[in-house]
Structure formats: C-alpha cells, structure tokens
Amino acid sequence: MRRALSETTYSSLCLPENIAARGLESIPNFYYRDDGLKLWSIINSFVKAVVEYYYPSDSEVCKDTELQDWIGFPESLHTAEQLTKFITMVIFTVTGQHAAVNNGQVITLDIVVCIYV
C-alpha cells in the first residue's frame, strides 16, 4: 500500500495522461483504454458545462477561497480548465476506474462466501 501510494501522481489518476505515459495508445483491442477514454470524455463534457456555468472566467476560480483552501492535490487550481480536469478525474476515479478495478471481486468473493455458508 505504501509503495502504491508513493507511486501515485496526479497525472497517473488522469486516464488520458496515464495511457500516454505508459505507451498504451496504439495497442489494438484494448477495451479498458477505449471504453475508459469514452467515459472520460463524457464526464469531462458534463463537468465542463457545470464549471463554466459557476466559473465564467479563470479569475473566478482563483478568487474562490473555499476551493483554493480545500484543494491540495494539485496544490492549487488557476483556471476553469484545471478545475474541470480535476473534477473529471475525481468522478472518473470513483466510478469507471473503481468499477474496472473492483467489480471482479464480487465474483471471486461470492465463491468464498458460498463455501462458508
């Protein structure tokens, strides 16, 4: 756990950057990448519309003291684009990424539970 946490970076949590950094852009039939990037794009489009509604300019993002006090990873956000990327990363991580990594556990754990029932 400690090693995994020490290797986690902000860009590693952003799927497009993670895929590029690992050189996985051109592997054929890589459904995690293909489906994940589609989901990332859909989430990003929604988040962008919401952020642009509440923060019509980059200066509004900078002036939001509650946002700036709360953020810590990355250290600060200066533009609506940065805020959009951050929120997209959070939503993607707790939905699509979590499902891709953890949903297989249900099948595995069901077998264990059935044995001990």
Foldseek 3Di string as FASTA:
>chain_A
DVVVVVPDAPLCLQLVSVCVVVVNPPDPPPCLNVVLVVLLVVLLVVLLVVLCVVDVWLVSQVPPVVQQVPDVRPNGGRTSNSVSSVVSSVVCCVPVVCCVPPVVVVVVVVVVVVVVD
